[in-house]
Amino acid sequence: MSLTKITHLPPLRLLSSIHLQQLLLPSISPLTVPRRAVAQQEYRRPGKPKEDKLPWQKIKFDFSKGLKGIKKHFTLLKKEFSDPWVGPEGKPILEHMLEQNRVIWEFRGAESLEQWTVSSDHEIGGQSEVYLKLGKNNNTCFLYGTLRSNPPKDGETRYSGYCSMRSKQTLASFDRKKHYDWTSFNTLHIRLRGDGRPWMINIASETYFSHQRDDLYNYFLYTRGGPYWQDVKIPFSKFFLTNRGRLQDDQHCLWLDKISSIGFTLGDKTDGPFQLEIDFIGVCKDNAHTEEFAYEAYKRNPEV
């Protein structure tokens, strides 16, 4: 029945004719479009088993631990309220303005190692091993292990062979994220000695959007090897943006007001033992360095 004839039919006959046409037409399944999850799940490495535990099942309920936590958090909260009255970050204003160097991480005891975590491809089925301990005089951090680039036989992972060390996220009272403010400085200063291998320095900064949580700012660290210490100074303008190990086209400078963590990664595809000893990690201000960003930044809508 044509459309012009259907429009001139009475309402009851119109409904019956439409129902008759639906019965005569072949059944066509509706087009199904995969629905995207409302909340993007956390990235799971290939070969890593999926956790089936509910969020509240991971919490360990302990009354004594809760009392210690309350005391700890109220102490931190008191410090947060009292420090601004002294000056920025609890320092006098004149000292803060004239500060040229600041040590962020130094290793002077076993408790300093609790601020760091190590990982390797052993988590995804690889064979690399990495360990962290204090140096001979308990004044340095000694990172050592064995690198093996054999990929795991899981049918998914094609490349393997990495070891890394990363600082933990600092927390304020009631487990709120606390960030480092390095806006008064422009250079990263590390005193270390290694075995001649090239490393990658990773700096994580707090982002405004959830899809940028895997963004890292990287730069290369070349160790000389041998028994002598070396002072490495790298301007923050040299760090380039990556996401999950991939270099990004849209480059921009590192945001120094919300630094979350710093890390060191080894993945030079050279199997064998390695070692890296670190005395301290700090920041400094180099007045001779005036470069803002070392790489070309593109404009989306360039001016004519």
C-alpha atoms as a PDB file:
ATOM      1  CA  MET A   1       0.000   0.000   0.000  1.00  0.00           C
ATOM      2  CA  SER A   2       1.453   3.358  -1.002  1.00  0.00           C
ATOM      3  CA  LEU A   3       2.103   6.231   1.412  1.00  0.00           C
ATOM      4  CA  THR A   4      -0.519   8.495  -0.158  1.00  0.00           C
ATOM      5  CA  LYS A   5      -3.251   5.871   0.286  1.00  0.00           C
ATOM      6  CA  ILE A   6      -2.211   5.221   3.909  1.00  0.00           C
ATOM      7  CA  THR A   7      -2.473   8.888   4.869  1.00  0.00           C
ATOM      8  CA  HIS A   8      -6.095   9.086   3.647  1.00  0.00           C
ATOM      9  CA  LEU A   9      -7.236   6.051   5.686  1.00  0.00           C
ATOM     10  CA  PRO A  10      -9.231   6.414   8.917  1.00  0.00           C
ATOM     11  CA  PRO A  11      -7.274   6.033  12.152  1.00  0.00           C
ATOM     12  CA  LEU A  12      -8.412   2.456  12.899  1.00  0.00           C
ATOM     13  CA  ARG A  13      -7.693   1.212   9.405  1.00  0.00           C
ATOM     14  CA  LEU A  14      -4.360   3.072   9.441  1.00  0.00           C
ATOM     15  CA  LEU A  15      -3.194   1.189  12.545  1.00  0.00           C
ATOM     16  CA  SER A  16      -4.314  -2.163  11.182  1.00  0.00           C
ATOM     17  CA  SER A  17      -2.558  -1.591   7.834  1.00  0.00           C
ATOM     18  CA  ILE A  18       0.704  -0.621   9.582  1.00  0.00           C
ATOM     19  CA  HIS A  19       0.521  -3.754  11.783  1.00  0.00           C
ATOM     20  CA  LEU A  20      -0.100  -5.898   8.684  1.00  0.00           C
ATOM     21  CA  GLN A  21       2.934  -4.457   6.920  1.00  0.00           C
ATOM     22  CA  GLN A  22       5.136  -5.172   9.944  1.00  0.00           C
ATOM     23  CA  LEU A  23       4.086  -8.821   9.841  1.00  0.00           C
ATOM     24  CA  LEU A  24       4.750  -9.119   6.109  1.00  0.00           C
ATOM     25  CA  LEU A  25       8.198  -7.442   6.194  1.00  0.00           C
ATOM     26  CA  PRO A  26      11.175  -9.706   6.937  1.00  0.00           C
ATOM     27  CA  SER A  27      12.441  -9.505  10.488  1.00  0.00           C
ATOM     28  CA  ILE A  28      15.566  -7.328  10.650  1.00  0.00           C
ATOM     29  CA  SER A  29      17.563  -7.315  13.843  1.00  0.00           C
ATOM     30  CA  PRO A  30      18.311  -3.812  15.145  1.00  0.00           C
ATOM     31  CA  LEU A  31      21.800  -2.476  14.666  1.00  0.00           C
ATOM     32  CA  THR A  32      23.775  -3.042  17.847  1.00  0.00           C
ATOM     33  CA  VAL A  33      26.508  -0.569  18.720  1.00  0.00           C
ATOM     34  CA  PRO A  34      28.970  -1.487  21.428  1.00  0.00           C
ATOM     35  CA  ARG A  35      28.366   0.727  24.405  1.00  0.00           C
ATOM     36  CA  ARG A  36      31.358   2.397  25.974  1.00  0.00           C
ATOM     37  CA  ALA A  37      31.727   2.037  29.684  1.00  0.00           C
ATOM     38  CA  VAL A  38      30.748   5.083  31.702  1.00  0.00           C
ATOM     39  CA  ALA A  39      33.912   4.911  33.805  1.00  0.00           C
ATOM     40  CA  GLN A  40      37.084   3.930  32.022  1.00  0.00           C
ATOM     41  CA  GLN A  41      38.735   0.990  33.736  1.00  0.00           C
ATOM     42  CA  GLU A  42      42.310   1.076  34.931  1.00  0.00           C
ATOM     43  CA  TYR A  43      44.902  -0.178  32.480  1.00  0.00           C
ATOM     44  CA  ARG A  44      45.759  -3.857  33.016  1.00  0.00           C
ATOM     45  CA  ARG A  45      49.058  -5.133  31.685  1.00  0.00           C
ATOM     46  CA  PRO A  46      48.965  -8.175  29.366  1.00  0.00           C
ATOM     47  CA  GLY A  47      49.369 -11.370  31.323  1.00  0.00           C
ATOM     48  CA  LYS A  48      48.355  -9.816  34.637  1.00  0.00           C
ATOM     49  CA  PRO A  49      45.440 -11.689  36.252  1.00  0.00           C
ATOM     50  CA  LYS A  50      42.224  -9.765  36.734  1.00  0.00           C
ATOM     51  CA  GLU A  51      41.199  -8.972  40.298  1.00  0.00           C
ATOM     52  CA  ASP A  52      37.640 -10.077  41.101  1.00  0.00           C
ATOM     53  CA  LYS A  53      37.579  -8.581  44.595  1.00  0.00           C
ATOM     54  CA  LEU A  54      35.079  -5.862  45.378  1.00  0.00           C
ATOM     55  CA  PRO A  55      36.483  -2.498  46.546  1.00  0.00           C
ATOM     56  CA  TRP A  56      35.473  -2.997  50.199  1.00  0.00           C
ATOM     57  CA  GLN A  57      37.012  -6.474  50.293  1.00  0.00           C
ATOM     58  CA  LYS A  58      40.504  -4.963  49.908  1.00  0.00           C
ATOM     59  CA  ILE A  59      40.154  -2.923  53.109  1.00  0.00           C
ATOM     60  CA  LYS A  60      41.580  -4.380  56.316  1.00  0.00           C
ATOM     61  CA  PHE A  61      39.452  -3.342  59.288  1.00  0.00           C
ATOM     62  CA  ASP A  62      41.541  -2.965  62.450  1.00  0.00           C
ATOM     63  CA  PHE A  63      40.504  -0.889  65.486  1.00  0.00           C
ATOM     64  CA  SER A  64      44.038  -0.195  66.767  1.00  0.00           C
ATOM     65  CA  LYS A  65      45.186   0.720  63.278  1.00  0.00           C
ATOM     66  CA  GLY A  66      42.272   3.113  63.013  1.00  0.00           C
ATOM     67  CA  LEU A  67      43.238   4.930  66.207  1.00  0.00           C
ATOM     68  CA  LYS A  68      46.814   5.329  64.996  1.00  0.00           C
ATOM     69  CA  GLY A  69      45.530   6.633  61.688  1.00  0.00           C
ATOM     70  CA  ILE A  70      43.311   9.229  63.388  1.00  0.00           C
ATOM     71  CA  LYS A  71      46.241  10.490  65.471  1.00  0.00           C
ATOM     72  CA  LYS A  72      48.489  10.628  62.401  1.00  0.00           C
ATOM     73  CA  HIS A  73      45.995  12.519  60.237  1.00  0.00           C
ATOM     74  CA  PHE A  74      45.148  15.112  62.896  1.00  0.00           C
ATOM     75  CA  THR A  75      48.882  15.718  63.423  1.00  0.00           C
ATOM     76  CA  LEU A  76      49.298  16.335  59.699  1.00  0.00           C
ATOM     77  CA  LEU A  77      46.240  18.581  59.687  1.00  0.00           C
ATOM     78  CA  LYS A  78      47.675  20.657  62.529  1.00  0.00           C
ATOM     79  CA  LYS A  79      50.934  21.032  60.598  1.00  0.00           C
ATOM     80  CA  GLU A  80      49.039  22.150  57.485  1.00  0.00           C
ATOM     81  CA  PHE A  81      47.354  24.937  59.437  1.00  0.00           C
ATOM     82  CA  SER A  82      50.488  26.084  61.287  1.00  0.00           C
ATOM     83  CA  ASP A  83      52.994  26.089  58.387  1.00  0.00           C
ATOM     84  CA  PRO A  84      51.388  28.931  56.357  1.00  0.00           C
ATOM     85  CA  TRP A  85      51.746  31.252  59.357  1.00  0.00           C
ATOM     86  CA  VAL A  86      55.525  30.737  59.259  1.00  0.00           C
ATOM     87  CA  GLY A  87      55.870  31.083  55.494  1.00  0.00           C
ATOM     88  CA  PRO A  88      55.594  29.085  52.259  1.00  0.00           C
ATOM     89  CA  GLU A  89      55.992  25.376  53.031  1.00  0.00           C
ATOM     90  CA  GLY A  90      56.795  26.205  56.653  1.00  0.00           C
ATOM     91  CA  LYS A  91      59.849  28.338  55.823  1.00  0.00           C
ATOM     92  CA  PRO A  92      60.366  32.067  56.473  1.00  0.00           C
ATOM     93  CA  ILE A  93      59.486  34.221  53.479  1.00  0.00           C
ATOM     94  CA  LEU A  94      63.038  35.575  53.094  1.00  0.00           C
ATOM     95  CA  GLU A  95      64.542  32.092  53.115  1.00  0.00           C
ATOM     96  CA  HIS A  96      61.975  30.950  50.552  1.00  0.00           C
ATOM     97  CA  MET A  97      62.764  33.857  48.210  1.00  0.00           C
ATOM     98  CA  LEU A  98      66.546  33.406  48.397  1.00  0.00           C
ATOM     99  CA  GLU A  99      66.456  29.607  48.096  1.00  0.00           C
ATOM    100  CA  GLN A 100      68.586  28.416  45.164  1.00  0.00           C
ATOM    101  CA  ASN A 101      68.836  24.679  45.934  1.00  0.00           C
ATOM    102  CA  ARG A 102      66.511  22.211  47.585  1.00  0.00           C
ATOM    103  CA  VAL A 103      67.020  18.503  48.328  1.00  0.00           C
ATOM    104  CA  ILE A 104      63.779  16.623  47.742  1.00  0.00           C
ATOM    105  CA  TRP A 105      64.850  13.016  48.343  1.00  0.00           C
ATOM    106  CA  GLU A 106      67.908  11.844  50.234  1.00  0.00           C
ATOM    107  CA  PHE A 107      68.720   8.396  51.570  1.00  0.00           C
ATOM    108  CA  ARG A 108      69.940   8.490  55.169  1.00  0.00           C
ATOM    109  CA  GLY A 109      68.260   5.448  56.680  1.00  0.00           C
ATOM    110  CA  ALA A 110      65.952   2.507  56.137  1.00  0.00           C
ATOM    111  CA  GLU A 111      62.841   4.688  56.500  1.00  0.00           C
ATOM    112  CA  SER A 112      63.861   6.693  53.403  1.00  0.00           C
ATOM    113  CA  LEU A 113      63.468   3.573  51.241  1.00  0.00           C
ATOM    114  CA  GLU A 114      59.807   3.333  52.232  1.00  0.00           C
ATOM    115  CA  GLN A 115      59.136   6.340  49.992  1.00  0.00           C
ATOM    116  CA  TRP A 116      60.053   4.309  46.907  1.00  0.00           C
ATOM    117  CA  THR A 117      58.755   1.299  45.039  1.00  0.00           C
ATOM    118  CA  VAL A 118      60.436  -0.922  42.441  1.00  0.00           C
ATOM    119  CA  SER A 119      58.916  -2.902  39.582  1.00  0.00           C
ATOM    120  CA  SER A 120      60.026  -4.948  36.603  1.00  0.00           C
ATOM    121  CA  ASP A 121      58.631  -7.079  33.795  1.00  0.00           C
ATOM    122  CA  HIS A 122      58.391  -9.902  36.326  1.00  0.00           C
ATOM    123  CA  GLU A 123      54.886  -8.551  37.006  1.00  0.00           C
ATOM    124  CA  ILE A 124      53.789  -9.535  33.486  1.00  0.00           C
ATOM    125  CA  GLY A 125      55.645 -12.833  33.352  1.00  0.00           C
ATOM    126  CA  GLY A 126      59.142 -11.583  32.454  1.00  0.00           C
ATOM    127  CA  GLN A 127      62.422 -12.722  33.947  1.00  0.00           C
ATOM    128  CA  SER A 128      64.013  -9.428  35.036  1.00  0.00           C
ATOM    129  CA  GLU A 129      64.811  -8.871  38.694  1.00  0.00           C
ATOM    130  CA  VAL A 130      65.273  -5.607  40.576  1.00  0.00           C
ATOM    131  CA  TYR A 131      66.088  -4.872  44.225  1.00  0.00           C
ATOM    132  CA  LEU A 132      66.527  -1.770  46.359  1.00  0.00           C
ATOM    133  CA  LYS A 133      68.671  -1.400  49.459  1.00  0.00           C
ATOM    134  CA  LEU A 134      70.898   1.069  51.281  1.00  0.00           C
ATOM    135  CA  GLY A 135      74.540   1.577  50.313  1.00  0.00           C
ATOM    136  CA  LYS A 136      77.571   0.486  52.311  1.00  0.00           C
ATOM    137  CA  ASN A 137      77.520   3.487  54.667  1.00  0.00           C
ATOM    138  CA  ASN A 138      73.696   3.647  54.862  1.00  0.00           C
ATOM    139  CA  ASN A 139      73.847   7.074  53.213  1.00  0.00           C
ATOM    140  CA  THR A 140      72.915   6.165  49.642  1.00  0.00           C
ATOM    141  CA  CYS A 141      70.289   4.241  47.713  1.00  0.00           C
ATOM    142  CA  PHE A 142      71.553   1.190  45.823  1.00  0.00           C
ATOM    143  CA  LEU A 143      69.388  -0.117  42.988  1.00  0.00           C
ATOM    144  CA  TYR A 144      70.578  -3.361  41.406  1.00  0.00           C
ATOM    145  CA  GLY A 145      69.317  -6.432  39.618  1.00  0.00           C
ATOM    146  CA  THR A 146      69.395  -8.332  36.344  1.00  0.00           C
ATOM    147  CA  LEU A 147      67.781  -7.313  33.075  1.00  0.00           C
ATOM    148  CA  ARG A 148      66.410  -9.991  30.731  1.00  0.00           C
ATOM    149  CA  SER A 149      64.559  -9.089  27.549  1.00  0.00           C
ATOM    150  CA  ASN A 150      62.922 -12.482  26.908  1.00  0.00           C
ATOM    151  CA  PRO A 151      59.161 -11.867  26.502  1.00  0.00           C
ATOM    152  CA  PRO A 152      56.740 -14.029  28.477  1.00  0.00           C
ATOM    153  CA  LYS A 153      55.002 -16.824  26.610  1.00  0.00           C
ATOM    154  CA  ASP A 154      51.462 -15.603  27.126  1.00  0.00           C
ATOM    155  CA  GLY A 155      50.526 -15.001  23.484  1.00  0.00           C
ATOM    156  CA  GLU A 156      49.987 -11.261  24.042  1.00  0.00           C
ATOM    157  CA  THR A 157      53.258  -9.624  25.096  1.00  0.00           C
ATOM    158  CA  ARG A 158      55.749  -9.066  22.278  1.00  0.00           C
ATOM    159  CA  TYR A 159      58.416  -7.024  24.056  1.00  0.00           C
ATOM    160  CA  SER A 160      59.823  -7.221  27.541  1.00  0.00           C
ATOM    161  CA  GLY A 161      62.869  -6.295  29.580  1.00  0.00           C
ATOM    162  CA  TYR A 162      62.548  -3.315  31.895  1.00  0.00           C
ATOM    163  CA  CYS A 163      63.265  -2.421  35.527  1.00  0.00           C
ATOM    164  CA  SER A 164      62.151   0.741  37.247  1.00  0.00           C
ATOM    165  CA  MET A 165      62.180   2.627  40.515  1.00  0.00           C
ATOM    166  CA  ARG A 166      59.540   5.240  41.360  1.00  0.00           C
ATOM    167  CA  SER A 167      58.763   7.476  44.309  1.00  0.00           C
ATOM    168  CA  LYS A 168      55.434   7.019  46.033  1.00  0.00           C
ATOM    169  CA  GLN A 169      52.699   9.628  45.984  1.00  0.00           C
ATOM    170  CA  THR A 170      52.998  11.842  49.051  1.00  0.00           C
ATOM    171  CA  LEU A 171      49.807  12.200  51.063  1.00  0.00           C
ATOM    172  CA  ALA A 172      48.489  14.989  53.255  1.00  0.00           C
ATOM    173  CA  SER A 173      46.003  14.594  56.093  1.00  0.00           C
ATOM    174  CA  PHE A 174      43.145  12.149  55.516  1.00  0.00           C
ATOM    175  CA  ASP A 175      44.973  10.631  52.533  1.00  0.00           C
ATOM    176  CA  ARG A 176      44.650  13.656  50.285  1.00  0.00           C
ATOM    177  CA  LYS A 177      47.180  13.955  47.498  1.00  0.00           C
ATOM    178  CA  LYS A 178      50.090  16.267  48.216  1.00  0.00           C
ATOM    179  CA  HIS A 179      52.210  17.658  45.409  1.00  0.00           C
ATOM    180  CA  TYR A 180      55.623  19.282  45.114  1.00  0.00           C
ATOM    181  CA  ASP A 181      55.812  22.897  43.986  1.00  0.00           C
ATOM    182  CA  TRP A 182      58.991  23.489  41.963  1.00  0.00           C
ATOM    183  CA  THR A 183      57.991  26.724  40.261  1.00  0.00           C
ATOM    184  CA  SER A 184      60.931  28.561  41.880  1.00  0.00           C
ATOM    185  CA  PHE A 185      63.432  26.210  40.196  1.00  0.00           C
ATOM    186  CA  ASN A 186      64.273  25.303  36.621  1.00  0.00           C
ATOM    187  CA  THR A 187      66.770  22.405  36.845  1.00  0.00           C
ATOM    188  CA  LEU A 188      66.787  18.869  38.221  1.00  0.00           C
ATOM    189  CA  HIS A 189      69.941  17.979  40.181  1.00  0.00           C
ATOM    190  CA  ILE A 190      70.933  14.349  40.901  1.00  0.00           C
ATOM    191  CA  ARG A 191      74.149  13.017  42.409  1.00  0.00           C
ATOM    192  CA  LEU A 192      74.713   9.412  41.380  1.00  0.00           C
ATOM    193  CA  ARG A 193      77.069   6.828  39.989  1.00  0.00           C
ATOM    194  CA  GLY A 194      76.163   3.984  37.670  1.00  0.00           C
ATOM    195  CA  ASP A 195      77.626   1.279  35.470  1.00  0.00           C
ATOM    196  CA  GLY A 196      77.537   3.105  32.124  1.00  0.00           C
ATOM    197  CA  ARG A 197      73.983   2.139  31.142  1.00  0.00           C
ATOM    198  CA  PRO A 198      71.496   4.724  29.826  1.00  0.00           C
ATOM    199  CA  TRP A 199      68.439   5.316  31.980  1.00  0.00           C
ATOM    200  CA  MET A 200      65.194   7.206  31.495  1.00  0.00           C
ATOM    201  CA  ILE A 201      64.013   9.789  34.040  1.00  0.00           C
ATOM    202  CA  ASN A 202      60.231   9.963  34.422  1.00  0.00           C
ATOM    203  CA  ILE A 203      58.441  12.860  36.115  1.00  0.00           C
ATOM    204  CA  ALA A 204      54.696  12.633  36.749  1.00  0.00           C
ATOM    205  CA  SER A 205      52.606  15.760  37.151  1.00  0.00           C
ATOM    206  CA  GLU A 206      49.000  16.000  38.314  1.00  0.00           C
ATOM    207  CA  THR A 207      46.593  16.405  35.396  1.00  0.00           C
ATOM    208  CA  TYR A 208      43.110  17.860  35.157  1.00  0.00           C
ATOM    209  CA  PHE A 209      41.526  15.058  33.102  1.00  0.00           C
ATOM    210  CA  SER A 210      41.366  11.328  33.833  1.00  0.00           C
ATOM    211  CA  HIS A 211      42.526  10.268  30.360  1.00  0.00           C
ATOM    212  CA  GLN A 212      45.842  12.070  31.003  1.00  0.00           C
ATOM    213  CA  ARG A 213      46.718  10.086  34.129  1.00  0.00           C
ATOM    214  CA  ASP A 214      49.326   8.039  32.220  1.00  0.00           C
ATOM    215  CA  ASP A 215      51.182  11.142  30.975  1.00  0.00           C
ATOM    216  CA  LEU A 216      54.866  11.291  31.880  1.00  0.00           C
ATOM    217  CA  TYR A 217      57.655  13.739  31.159  1.00  0.00           C
ATOM    218  CA  ASN A 218      60.855  11.929  30.201  1.00  0.00           C
ATOM    219  CA  TYR A 219      64.497  12.640  29.536  1.00  0.00           C
ATOM    220  CA  PHE A 220      67.621  10.542  29.166  1.00  0.00           C
ATOM    221  CA  LEU A 221      70.173   9.912  31.885  1.00  0.00           C
ATOM    222  CA  TYR A 222      73.612   8.729  30.788  1.00  0.00           C
ATOM    223  CA  THR A 223      75.830   7.270  33.487  1.00  0.00           C
ATOM    224  CA  ARG A 224      79.623   7.186  33.084  1.00  0.00           C
ATOM    225  CA  GLY A 225      80.399   4.077  35.071  1.00  0.00           C
ATOM    226  CA  GLY A 226      83.336   3.608  37.354  1.00  0.00           C
ATOM    227  CA  PRO A 227      83.822   4.490  41.024  1.00  0.00           C
ATOM    228  CA  TYR A 228      83.454   8.263  40.691  1.00  0.00           C
ATOM    229  CA  TRP A 229      80.305  10.213  41.492  1.00  0.00           C
ATOM    230  CA  GLN A 230      78.715  12.469  38.901  1.00  0.00           C
ATOM    231  CA  ASP A 231      76.450  15.477  39.388  1.00  0.00           C
ATOM    232  CA  VAL A 232      73.751  15.505  36.717  1.00  0.00           C
ATOM    233  CA  LYS A 233      71.827  18.719  36.073  1.00  0.00           C
ATOM    234  CA  ILE A 234      68.949  18.566  33.583  1.00  0.00           C
ATOM    235  CA  PRO A 235      66.770  21.628  32.856  1.00  0.00           C
ATOM    236  CA  PHE A 236      63.040  21.003  33.090  1.00  0.00           C
ATOM    237  CA  SER A 237      62.654  22.506  29.625  1.00  0.00           C
ATOM    238  CA  LYS A 238      64.339  19.405  28.156  1.00  0.00           C
ATOM    239  CA  PHE A 239      61.672  16.953  29.342  1.00  0.00           C
ATOM    240  CA  PHE A 240      59.261  15.765  26.636  1.00  0.00           C
ATOM    241  CA  LEU A 241      55.722  14.439  27.013  1.00  0.00           C
ATOM    242  CA  THR A 242      54.838  10.746  26.557  1.00  0.00           C
ATOM    243  CA  ASN A 243      51.772   8.635  27.249  1.00  0.00           C
ATOM    244  CA  ARG A 244      52.282   4.960  28.080  1.00  0.00           C
ATOM    245  CA  GLY A 245      55.697   5.076  26.452  1.00  0.00           C
ATOM    246  CA  ARG A 246      54.546   6.778  23.231  1.00  0.00           C
ATOM    247  CA  LEU A 247      55.855  10.200  22.239  1.00  0.00           C
ATOM    248  CA  GLN A 248      53.043  12.741  21.853  1.00  0.00           C
ATOM    249  CA  ASP A 249      52.662  15.160  18.948  1.00  0.00           C
ATOM    250  CA  ASP A 250      51.150  17.895  21.106  1.00  0.00           C
ATOM    251  CA  GLN A 251      54.091  18.842  23.315  1.00  0.00           C
ATOM    252  CA  HIS A 252      53.989  21.345  26.160  1.00  0.00           C
ATOM    253  CA  CYS A 253      56.281  22.180  29.037  1.00  0.00           C
ATOM    254  CA  LEU A 254      56.214  20.449  32.392  1.00  0.00           C
ATOM    255  CA  TRP A 255      53.828  21.869  34.988  1.00  0.00           C
ATOM    256  CA  LEU A 256      56.061  22.433  37.996  1.00  0.00           C
ATOM    257  CA  ASP A 257      53.367  23.422  40.481  1.00  0.00           C
ATOM    258  CA  LYS A 258      51.896  19.910  40.890  1.00  0.00           C
ATOM    259  CA  ILE A 259      54.689  17.325  40.705  1.00  0.00           C
ATOM    260  CA  SER A 260      53.508  13.898  41.881  1.00  0.00           C
ATOM    261  CA  SER A 261      56.514  11.575  41.583  1.00  0.00           C
ATOM    262  CA  ILE A 262      59.816  10.863  39.873  1.00  0.00           C
ATOM    263  CA  GLY A 263      61.160   7.575  38.581  1.00  0.00           C
ATOM    264  CA  PHE A 264      64.049   5.870  36.798  1.00  0.00           C
ATOM    265  CA  THR A 265      63.576   3.200  34.133  1.00  0.00           C
ATOM    266  CA  LEU A 266      66.109   0.877  32.514  1.00  0.00           C
ATOM    267  CA  GLY A 267      65.210  -0.781  29.212  1.00  0.00           C
ATOM    268  CA  ASP A 268      68.250  -0.694  26.918  1.00  0.00           C
ATOM    269  CA  LYS A 269      67.728  -4.314  25.672  1.00  0.00           C
ATOM    270  CA  THR A 270      71.132  -5.333  27.006  1.00  0.00           C
ATOM    271  CA  ASP A 271      70.736  -8.434  29.127  1.00  0.00           C
ATOM    272  CA  GLY A 272      72.852  -8.695  32.236  1.00  0.00           C
ATOM    273  CA  PRO A 273      73.351  -7.207  35.707  1.00  0.00           C
ATOM    274  CA  PHE A 274      72.999  -3.486  36.412  1.00  0.00           C
ATOM    275  CA  GLN A 275      73.417  -1.114  39.323  1.00  0.00           C
ATOM    276  CA  LEU A 276      72.637   2.494  40.107  1.00  0.00           C
ATOM    277  CA  GLU A 277      73.595   4.296  43.309  1.00  0.00           C
ATOM    278  CA  ILE A 278      71.925   7.614  44.194  1.00  0.00           C
ATOM    279  CA  ASP A 279      73.067  10.048  46.862  1.00  0.00           C
ATOM    280  CA  PHE A 280      70.290  12.648  46.621  1.00  0.00           C
ATOM    281  CA  ILE A 281      67.699  14.066  44.241  1.00  0.00           C
ATOM    282  CA  GLY A 282      67.048  17.787  44.322  1.00  0.00           C
ATOM    283  CA  VAL A 283      66.165  20.868  42.323  1.00  0.00           C
ATOM    284  CA  CYS A 284      68.106  24.069  41.754  1.00  0.00           C
ATOM    285  CA  LYS A 285      67.764  27.410  40.031  1.00  0.00           C
ATOM    286  CA  ASP A 286      70.178  28.137  37.203  1.00  0.00           C
ATOM    287  CA  ASN A 287      70.007  31.835  36.384  1.00  0.00           C
ATOM    288  CA  ALA A 288      72.015  31.298  33.191  1.00  0.00           C
ATOM    289  CA  HIS A 289      69.334  29.005  31.761  1.00  0.00           C
ATOM    290  CA  THR A 290      66.559  31.043  30.149  1.00  0.00           C
ATOM    291  CA  GLU A 291      65.004  28.465  27.808  1.00  0.00           C
ATOM    292  CA  GLU A 292      61.294  27.871  28.434  1.00  0.00           C
ATOM    293  CA  PHE A 293      60.757  24.788  26.247  1.00  0.00           C
ATOM    294  CA  ALA A 294      63.219  22.958  24.020  1.00  0.00           C
ATOM    295  CA  TYR A 295      60.727  21.521  21.541  1.00  0.00           C
ATOM    296  CA  GLU A 296      58.404  22.974  18.945  1.00  0.00           C
ATOM    297  CA  ALA A 297      54.864  23.627  20.128  1.00  0.00           C
ATOM    298  CA  TYR A 298      52.172  23.727  17.443  1.00  0.00           C
ATOM    299  CA  LYS A 299      49.243  26.120  17.447  1.00  0.00           C
ATOM    300  CA  ARG A 300      45.882  24.578  16.644  1.00  0.00           C
ATOM    301  CA  ASN A 301      44.522  27.804  15.138  1.00  0.00           C
ATOM    302  CA  PRO A 302      47.556  29.834  14.079  1.00  0.00           C
ATOM    303  CA  GLU A 303      47.133  33.541  13.642  1.00  0.00           C
ATOM    304  CA  VAL A 304      47.158  34.858  10.071  1.00  0.00           C
END
